[in-house]
Each structure stands twice: as structure tokens, then as C-alpha cells.
PDB file of N, CA and C in Angstrom:
ATOM      1  N   MET A   1     -30.236  68.535  55.179  1.00  0.00           N
ATOM      2  CA  MET A   1     -29.122  68.067  55.975  1.00  0.00           C
ATOM      3  C   MET A   1     -28.466  66.906  55.224  1.00  0.00           C
ATOM      4  N   PRO A   2     -27.127  66.903  55.145  1.00  0.00           N
ATOM      5  CA  PRO A   2     -26.437  65.825  54.434  1.00  0.00           C
ATOM      6  C   PRO A   2     -26.638  64.470  55.122  1.00  0.00           C
ATOM      7  N   LYS A   3     -26.637  63.430  54.306  1.00  0.00           N
ATOM      8  CA  LYS A   3     -26.786  62.071  54.819  1.00  0.00           C
ATOM      9  C   LYS A   3     -25.469  61.316  54.634  1.00  0.00           C
ATOM     10  N   PHE A   4     -25.156  60.478  55.630  1.00  0.00           N
ATOM     11  CA  PHE A   4     -23.932  59.697  55.604  1.00  0.00           C
ATOM     12  C   PHE A   4     -24.251  58.262  56.013  1.00  0.00           C
ATOM     13  N   THR A   5     -23.554  57.325  55.400  1.00  0.00           N
ATOM     14  CA  THR A   5     -23.697  55.919  55.754  1.00  0.00           C
ATOM     15  C   THR A   5     -22.485  55.513  56.576  1.00  0.00           C
ATOM     16  N   ILE A   6     -22.742  54.936  57.735  1.00  0.00           N
ATOM     17  CA  ILE A   6     -21.671  54.489  58.617  1.00  0.00           C
ATOM     18  C   ILE A   6     -21.605  52.968  58.584  1.00  0.00           C
ATOM     19  N   THR A   7     -20.398  52.457  58.387  1.00  0.00           N
ATOM     20  CA  THR A   7     -20.151  51.022  58.413  1.00  0.00           C
ATOM     21  C   THR A   7     -19.189  50.740  59.556  1.00  0.00           C
ATOM     22  N   THR A   8     -19.539  49.793  60.400  1.00  0.00           N
ATOM     23  CA  THR A   8     -18.666  49.413  61.509  1.00  0.00           C
ATOM     24  C   THR A   8     -18.214  47.975  61.324  1.00  0.00           C
ATOM     25  N   ASP A   9     -17.084  47.654  61.926  1.00  0.00           N
ATOM     26  CA  ASP A   9     -16.590  46.281  61.930  1.00  0.00           C
ATOM     27  C   ASP A   9     -15.977  46.031  63.308  1.00  0.00           C
ATOM     28  N   ALA A  10     -16.633  45.176  64.078  1.00  0.00           N
ATOM     29  CA  ALA A  10     -16.166  44.839  65.428  1.00  0.00           C
ATOM     30  C   ALA A  10     -15.355  43.550  65.417  1.00  0.00           C
ATOM     31  N   GLY A  11     -14.794  43.218  64.256  1.00  0.00           N
ATOM     32  CA  GLY A  11     -13.964  42.028  64.144  1.00  0.00           C
ATOM     33  C   GLY A  11     -14.665  40.836  63.536  1.00  0.00           C
ATOM     34  N   ASP A  12     -15.947  40.976  63.268  1.00  0.00           N
ATOM     35  CA  ASP A  12     -16.694  39.863  62.694  1.00  0.00           C
ATOM     36  C   ASP A  12     -17.281  40.212  61.329  1.00  0.00           C
ATOM     37  N   GLY A  13     -16.685  41.169  60.646  1.00  0.00           N
ATOM     38  CA  GLY A  13     -17.132  41.567  59.315  1.00  0.00           C
ATOM     39  C   GLY A  13     -17.880  42.888  59.345  1.00  0.00           C
ATOM     40  N   PRO A  14     -17.874  43.588  58.221  1.00  0.00           N
ATOM     41  CA  PRO A  14     -18.527  44.899  58.144  1.00  0.00           C
ATOM     42  C   PRO A  14     -20.028  44.810  58.368  1.00  0.00           C
ATOM     43  N   ASP A  15     -20.553  45.843  59.016  1.00  0.00           N
ATOM     44  CA  ASP A  15     -21.980  45.941  59.290  1.00  0.00           C
ATOM     45  C   ASP A  15     -22.405  47.377  59.004  1.00  0.00           C
ATOM     46  N   ALA A  16     -23.118  47.585  57.889  1.00  0.00           N
ATOM     47  CA  ALA A  16     -23.570  48.921  57.513  1.00  0.00           C
ATOM     48  C   ALA A  16     -24.953  49.173  58.093  1.00  0.00           C
ATOM     49  N   PHE A  17     -25.173  50.386  58.552  1.00  0.00           N
ATOM     50  CA  PHE A  17     -26.494  50.768  59.017  1.00  0.00           C
ATOM     51  C   PHE A  17     -27.448  50.715  57.833  1.00  0.00           C
ATOM     52  N   ASP A  18     -28.680  50.301  58.077  1.00  0.00           N
ATOM     53  CA  ASP A  18     -29.657  50.144  56.995  1.00  0.00           C
ATOM     54  C   ASP A  18     -29.979  51.457  56.300  1.00  0.00           C
ATOM     55  N   GLN A  19     -30.087  52.521  57.056  1.00  0.00           N
ATOM     56  CA  GLN A  19     -30.469  53.815  56.505  1.00  0.00           C
ATOM     57  C   GLN A  19     -29.358  54.828  56.726  1.00  0.00           C
ATOM     58  N   PRO A  20     -29.115  55.689  55.741  1.00  0.00           N
ATOM     59  CA  PRO A  20     -28.156  56.774  55.958  1.00  0.00           C
ATOM     60  C   PRO A  20     -28.630  57.662  57.111  1.00  0.00           C
ATOM     61  N   LEU A  21     -27.676  58.245  57.804  1.00  0.00           N
ATOM     62  CA  LEU A  21     -27.977  59.103  58.946  1.00  0.00           C
ATOM     63  C   LEU A  21     -27.733  60.560  58.589  1.00  0.00           C
ATOM     64  N   ASP A  22     -28.548  61.437  59.152  1.00  0.00           N
ATOM     65  CA  ASP A  22     -28.396  62.873  58.938  1.00  0.00           C
ATOM     66  C   ASP A  22     -27.373  63.449  59.914  1.00  0.00           C
ATOM     67  N   PHE A  23     -26.441  64.220  59.387  1.00  0.00           N
ATOM     68  CA  PHE A  23     -25.482  64.968  60.196  1.00  0.00           C
ATOM     69  C   PHE A  23     -25.374  66.359  59.592  1.00  0.00           C
ATOM     70  N   PRO A  24     -25.131  67.365  60.407  1.00  0.00           N
ATOM     71  CA  PRO A  24     -25.028  68.719  59.865  1.00  0.00           C
ATOM     72  C   PRO A  24     -23.814  68.910  58.957  1.00  0.00           C
ATOM     73  N   SER A  25     -22.788  68.061  59.118  1.00  0.00           N
ATOM     74  CA  SER A  25     -21.576  68.192  58.309  1.00  0.00           C
ATOM     75  C   SER A  25     -20.788  66.885  58.344  1.00  0.00           C
ATOM     76  N   ALA A  26     -19.803  66.796  57.454  1.00  0.00           N
ATOM     77  CA  ALA A  26     -18.908  65.636  57.461  1.00  0.00           C
ATOM     78  C   ALA A  26     -18.119  65.593  58.766  1.00  0.00           C
ATOM     79  N   LYS A  27     -17.758  66.757  59.291  1.00  0.00           N
ATOM     80  CA  LYS A  27     -17.018  66.807  60.554  1.00  0.00           C
ATOM     81  C   LYS A  27     -17.843  66.209  61.692  1.00  0.00           C
ATOM     82  N   ALA A  28     -19.142  66.496  61.721  1.00  0.00           N
ATOM     83  CA  ALA A  28     -20.018  65.932  62.752  1.00  0.00           C
ATOM     84  C   ALA A  28     -20.145  64.417  62.581  1.00  0.00           C
ATOM     85  N   ALA A  29     -20.197  63.950  61.341  1.00  0.00           N
ATOM     86  CA  ALA A  29     -20.295  62.512  61.082  1.00  0.00           C
ATOM     87  C   ALA A  29     -19.027  61.800  61.538  1.00  0.00           C
ATOM     88  N   THR A  30     -17.850  62.397  61.281  1.00  0.00           N
ATOM     89  CA  THR A  30     -16.608  61.755  61.701  1.00  0.00           C
ATOM     90  C   THR A  30     -16.467  61.765  63.221  1.00  0.00           C
ATOM     91  N   ALA A  31     -16.942  62.816  63.866  1.00  0.00           N
ATOM     92  CA  ALA A  31     -16.903  62.842  65.337  1.00  0.00           C
ATOM     93  C   ALA A  31     -17.760  61.719  65.901  1.00  0.00           C
ATOM     94  N   ASP A  32     -18.930  61.487  65.303  1.00  0.00           N
ATOM     95  CA  ASP A  32     -19.800  60.404  65.748  1.00  0.00           C
ATOM     96  C   ASP A  32     -19.132  59.047  65.508  1.00  0.00           C
ATOM     97  N   ALA A  33     -18.410  58.919  64.404  1.00  0.00           N
ATOM     98  CA  ALA A  33     -17.710  57.667  64.102  1.00  0.00           C
ATOM     99  C   ALA A  33     -16.641  57.376  65.150  1.00  0.00           C
ATOM    100  N   LYS A  34     -15.951  58.402  65.602  1.00  0.00           N
ATOM    101  CA  LYS A  34     -14.933  58.212  66.651  1.00  0.00           C
ATOM    102  C   LYS A  34     -15.574  57.716  67.940  1.00  0.00           C
ATOM    103  N   VAL A  35     -16.716  58.277  68.281  1.00  0.00           N
ATOM    104  CA  VAL A  35     -17.434  57.836  69.478  1.00  0.00           C
ATOM    105  C   VAL A  35     -17.872  56.383  69.307  1.00  0.00           C
ATOM    106  N   ALA A  36     -18.376  56.043  68.124  1.00  0.00           N
ATOM    107  CA  ALA A  36     -18.807  54.660  67.860  1.00  0.00           C
ATOM    108  C   ALA A  36     -17.641  53.694  68.019  1.00  0.00           C
ATOM    109  N   LEU A  37     -16.461  54.087  67.556  1.00  0.00           N
ATOM    110  CA  LEU A  37     -15.282  53.230  67.669  1.00  0.00           C
ATOM    111  C   LEU A  37     -14.912  53.001  69.131  1.00  0.00           C
ATOM    112  N   THR A  38     -14.967  54.033  69.936  1.00  0.00           N
ATOM    113  CA  THR A  38     -14.638  53.862  71.360  1.00  0.00           C
ATOM    114  C   THR A  38     -15.690  53.016  72.067  1.00  0.00           C
ATOM    115  N   GLU A  39     -16.948  53.146  71.678  1.00  0.00           N
ATOM    116  CA  GLU A  39     -18.009  52.328  72.285  1.00  0.00           C
ATOM    117  C   GLU A  39     -17.828  50.850  71.913  1.00  0.00           C
ATOM    118  N   MET A  40     -17.433  50.593  70.666  1.00  0.00           N
ATOM    119  CA  MET A  40     -17.171  49.200  70.268  1.00  0.00           C
ATOM    120  C   MET A  40     -16.032  48.624  71.106  1.00  0.00           C
ATOM    121  N   ALA A  41     -14.998  49.418  71.329  1.00  0.00           N
ATOM    122  CA  ALA A  41     -13.866  48.960  72.140  1.00  0.00           C
ATOM    123  C   ALA A  41     -14.313  48.676  73.567  1.00  0.00           C
ATOM    124  N   ARG A  42     -15.112  49.545  74.126  1.00  0.00           N
ATOM    125  CA  ARG A  42     -15.582  49.357  75.508  1.00  0.00           C
ATOM    126  C   ARG A  42     -16.400  48.073  75.641  1.00  0.00           C
ATOM    127  N   GLU A  43     -17.204  47.757  74.635  1.00  0.00           N
ATOM    128  CA  GLU A  43     -18.032  46.546  74.678  1.00  0.00           C
ATOM    129  C   GLU A  43     -17.211  45.280  74.444  1.00  0.00           C
ATOM    130  N   ARG A  44     -16.204  45.360  73.607  1.00  0.00           N
ATOM    131  CA  ARG A  44     -15.477  44.161  73.167  1.00  0.00           C
ATOM    132  C   ARG A  44     -14.284  43.812  74.056  1.00  0.00           C
ATOM    133  N   LEU A  45     -13.594  44.800  74.567  1.00  0.00           N
ATOM    134  CA  LEU A  45     -12.314  44.534  75.218  1.00  0.00           C
ATOM    135  C   LEU A  45     -12.377  43.840  76.571  1.00  0.00           C
ATOM    136  N   PRO A  46     -13.327  44.073  77.420  1.00  0.00           N
ATOM    137  CA  PRO A  46     -13.281  43.347  78.691  1.00  0.00           C
ATOM    138  C   PRO A  46     -13.303  41.823  78.528  1.00  0.00           C
ATOM    139  N   GLU A  47     -13.876  41.343  77.451  1.00  0.00           N
ATOM    140  CA  GLU A  47     -14.013  39.901  77.221  1.00  0.00           C
ATOM    141  C   GLU A  47     -12.884  39.320  76.373  1.00  0.00           C
ATOM    142  N   ASN A  48     -12.111  40.175  75.718  1.00  0.00           N
ATOM    143  CA  ASN A  48     -11.130  39.697  74.741  1.00  0.00           C
ATOM    144  C   ASN A  48      -9.754  40.289  75.009  1.00  0.00           C
ATOM    145  N   GLU A  49      -8.729  39.560  74.605  1.00  0.00           N
ATOM    146  CA  GLU A  49      -7.356  40.040  74.726  1.00  0.00           C
ATOM    147  C   GLU A  49      -6.871  40.683  73.438  1.00  0.00           C
ATOM    148  N   GLU A  50      -7.680  40.600  72.398  1.00  0.00           N
ATOM    149  CA  GLU A  50      -7.304  41.188  71.121  1.00  0.00           C
ATOM    150  C   GLU A  50      -8.552  41.664  70.395  1.00  0.00           C
ATOM    151  N   ALA A  51      -8.433  42.768  69.691  1.00  0.00           N
ATOM    152  CA  ALA A  51      -9.558  43.281  68.923  1.00  0.00           C
ATOM    153  C   ALA A  51      -9.053  44.114  67.761  1.00  0.00           C
ATOM    154  N   ASN A  52      -9.703  43.967  66.632  1.00  0.00           N
ATOM    155  CA  ASN A  52      -9.473  44.804  65.458  1.00  0.00           C
ATOM    156  C   ASN A  52     -10.811  45.428  65.117  1.00  0.00           C
ATOM    157  N   LEU A  53     -10.918  46.721  65.351  1.00  0.00           N
ATOM    158  CA  LEU A  53     -12.174  47.438  65.182  1.00  0.00           C
ATOM    159  C   LEU A  53     -12.011  48.496  64.106  1.00  0.00           C
ATOM    160  N   ALA A  54     -13.084  48.764  63.377  1.00  0.00           N
ATOM    161  CA  ALA A  54     -13.006  49.766  62.317  1.00  0.00           C
ATOM    162  C   ALA A  54     -14.361  50.434  62.118  1.00  0.00           C
ATOM    163  N   VAL A  55     -14.287  51.640  61.583  1.00  0.00           N
ATOM    164  CA  VAL A  55     -15.483  52.384  61.220  1.00  0.00           C
ATOM    165  C   VAL A  55     -15.157  53.184  59.955  1.00  0.00           C
ATOM    166  N   ALA A  56     -16.132  53.276  59.062  1.00  0.00           N
ATOM    167  CA  ALA A  56     -15.961  54.040  57.824  1.00  0.00           C
ATOM    168  C   ALA A  56     -17.230  54.843  57.561  1.00  0.00           C
ATOM    169  N   ILE A  57     -17.068  55.964  56.883  1.00  0.00           N
ATOM    170  CA  ILE A  57     -18.205  56.824  56.546  1.00  0.00           C
ATOM    171  C   ILE A  57     -18.200  57.079  55.045  1.00  0.00           C
ATOM    172  N   ARG A  58     -19.380  56.966  54.462  1.00  0.00           N
ATOM    173  CA  ARG A  58     -19.576  57.297  53.044  1.00  0.00           C
ATOM    174  C   ARG A  58     -20.567  58.450  52.947  1.00  0.00           C
ATOM    175  N   ASP A  59     -20.320  59.320  51.979  1.00  0.00           N
ATOM    176  CA  ASP A  59     -21.234  60.443  51.771  1.00  0.00           C
ATOM    177  C   ASP A  59     -22.429  59.989  50.937  1.00  0.00           C
ATOM    178  N   GLU A  60     -23.286  60.929  50.592  1.00  0.00           N
ATOM    179  CA  GLU A  60     -24.511  60.594  49.845  1.00  0.00           C
ATOM    180  C   GLU A  60     -24.222  59.983  48.484  1.00  0.00           C
ATOM    181  N   ALA A  61     -23.072  60.302  47.904  1.00  0.00           N
ATOM    182  CA  ALA A  61     -22.695  59.747  46.602  1.00  0.00           C
ATOM    183  C   ALA A  61     -22.084  58.351  46.727  1.00  0.00           C
ATOM    184  N   GLY A  62     -21.859  57.899  47.976  1.00  0.00           N
ATOM    185  CA  GLY A  62     -21.271  56.590  48.193  1.00  0.00           C
ATOM    186  C   GLY A  62     -19.751  56.600  48.268  1.00  0.00           C
ATOM    187  N   THR A  63     -19.171  57.786  48.276  1.00  0.00           N
ATOM    188  CA  THR A  63     -17.723  57.933  48.349  1.00  0.00           C
ATOM    189  C   THR A  63     -17.266  57.855  49.801  1.00  0.00           C
ATOM    190  N   GLU A  64     -16.297  56.993  50.064  1.00  0.00           N
ATOM    191  CA  GLU A  64     -15.766  56.906  51.423  1.00  0.00           C
ATOM    192  C   GLU A  64     -15.005  58.193  51.731  1.00  0.00           C
ATOM    193  N   ILE A  65     -15.404  58.847  52.837  1.00  0.00           N
ATOM    194  CA  ILE A  65     -14.769  60.115  53.203  1.00  0.00           C
ATOM    195  C   ILE A  65     -13.965  60.012  54.487  1.00  0.00           C
ATOM    196  N   TYR A  66     -14.120  58.917  55.212  1.00  0.00           N
ATOM    197  CA  TYR A  66     -13.428  58.786  56.494  1.00  0.00           C
ATOM    198  C   TYR A  66     -13.310  57.313  56.854  1.00  0.00           C
ATOM    199  N   ARG A  67     -12.157  56.975  57.438  1.00  0.00           N
ATOM    200  CA  ARG A  67     -11.946  55.610  57.916  1.00  0.00           C
ATOM    201  C   ARG A  67     -11.075  55.683  59.167  1.00  0.00           C
ATOM    202  N   ALA A  68     -11.439  54.929  60.179  1.00  0.00           N
ATOM    203  CA  ALA A  68     -10.640  54.863  61.402  1.00  0.00           C
ATOM    204  C   ALA A  68     -10.623  53.423  61.883  1.00  0.00           C
ATOM    205  N   GLY A  69      -9.528  53.053  62.521  1.00  0.00           N
ATOM    206  CA  GLY A  69      -9.413  51.703  63.041  1.00  0.00           C
ATOM    207  C   GLY A  69      -8.679  51.695  64.368  1.00  0.00           C
ATOM    208  N   LEU A  70      -8.881  50.623  65.083  1.00  0.00           N
ATOM    209  CA  LEU A  70      -8.236  50.458  66.374  1.00  0.00           C
ATOM    210  C   LEU A  70      -7.815  49.004  66.509  1.00  0.00           C
ATOM    211  N   HIS A  71      -6.521  48.789  66.752  1.00  0.00           N
ATOM    212  CA  HIS A  71      -6.019  47.447  67.010  1.00  0.00           C
ATOM    213  C   HIS A  71      -5.607  47.410  68.474  1.00  0.00           C
ATOM    214  N   PHE A  72      -6.126  46.431  69.199  1.00  0.00           N
ATOM    215  CA  PHE A  72      -5.794  46.275  70.614  1.00  0.00           C
ATOM    216  C   PHE A  72      -5.284  44.871  70.833  1.00  0.00           C
ATOM    217  N   GLU A  73      -4.190  44.774  71.565  1.00  0.00           N
ATOM    218  CA  GLU A  73      -3.638  43.468  71.897  1.00  0.00           C
ATOM    219  C   GLU A  73      -3.106  43.533  73.331  1.00  0.00           C
ATOM    220  N   ALA A  74      -3.501  42.577  74.153  1.00  0.00           N
ATOM    221  CA  ALA A  74      -3.055  42.533  75.537  1.00  0.00           C
ATOM    222  C   ALA A  74      -2.408  41.181  75.814  1.00  0.00           C
ATOM    223  N   GLN A  75      -1.427  41.207  76.701  1.00  0.00           N
ATOM    224  CA  GLN A  75      -0.753  39.971  77.053  1.00  0.00           C
ATOM    225  C   GLN A  75      -0.221  40.099  78.478  1.00  0.00           C
ATOM    226  N   ALA A  76      -0.525  39.120  79.293  1.00  0.00           N
ATOM    227  CA  ALA A  76      -0.004  39.112  80.656  1.00  0.00           C
ATOM    228  C   ALA A  76       1.506  38.889  80.615  1.00  0.00           C
ATOM    229  N   VAL A  77       2.222  39.664  81.393  1.00  0.00           N
ATOM    230  CA  VAL A  77       3.680  39.571  81.430  1.00  0.00           C
ATOM    231  C   VAL A  77       4.136  39.516  82.869  1.00  0.00           C
ATOM    232  N   ASN A  78       4.905  38.496  83.224  1.00  0.00           N
ATOM    233  CA  ASN A  78       5.504  38.396  84.556  1.00  0.00           C
ATOM    234  C   ASN A  78       4.525  38.769  85.667  1.00  0.00           C
ATOM    235  N   GLY A  79       3.602  37.908  85.939  1.00  0.00           N
ATOM    236  CA  GLY A  79       2.612  38.126  86.992  1.00  0.00           C
ATOM    237  C   GLY A  79       3.248  38.332  88.357  1.00  0.00           C
ATOM    238  N   PRO A  80       2.442  38.603  89.371  1.00  0.00           N
ATOM    239  CA  PRO A  80       2.939  38.828  90.723  1.00  0.00           C
ATOM    240  C   PRO A  80       3.697  37.606  91.251  1.00  0.00           C
ATOM    241  N   LYS A  81       4.727  37.869  92.035  1.00  0.00           N
ATOM    242  CA  LYS A  81       5.541  36.775  92.594  1.00  0.00           C
ATOM    243  C   LYS A  81       5.264  36.587  94.048  1.00  0.00           C
TER     244      LYS A  81
END
């Protein structure tokens, strides 16, 4: 089974998993990365008005094969009168 290294960044610098993870394919690894990105957003956003989140995947050779990011910014506008 192919191995992939996932690196996440929740706004405080990149954090690579210590060990490569097994996935049946690159497509399965990228699907998992998308889920990881949404989970980071769910954990970070209730406490913050802004977030820059990212995830990247490298194959066994160390070549980056996928990158995704999410920028979130919230601002209160014209509150209730």
C-alpha cells in the first residue's frame, strides 16, 4: 500500500505527521486531507474571527502531490438596532 506524508498548518506553522500513512491511492489520501482541513476549521473557527489553514500531501518519494488551503475571515457588520 502506498505511503503518504501529510503536513497540516492551523496557522501556527507546519506540522508533519511523524510517520507516513498508508492509503490505497493518492485519491484516498487527498480525500482524507480535505476532511482534515474541515476538522481544523471546525476546531479553530468558533474561537477566532480569522484563520489561515492548510494541508499538503507528499508521496513516498517526498514529492508534493496535493495542497489545499482555507482562508476564513469574519467581521460583525451593523448589529441589531
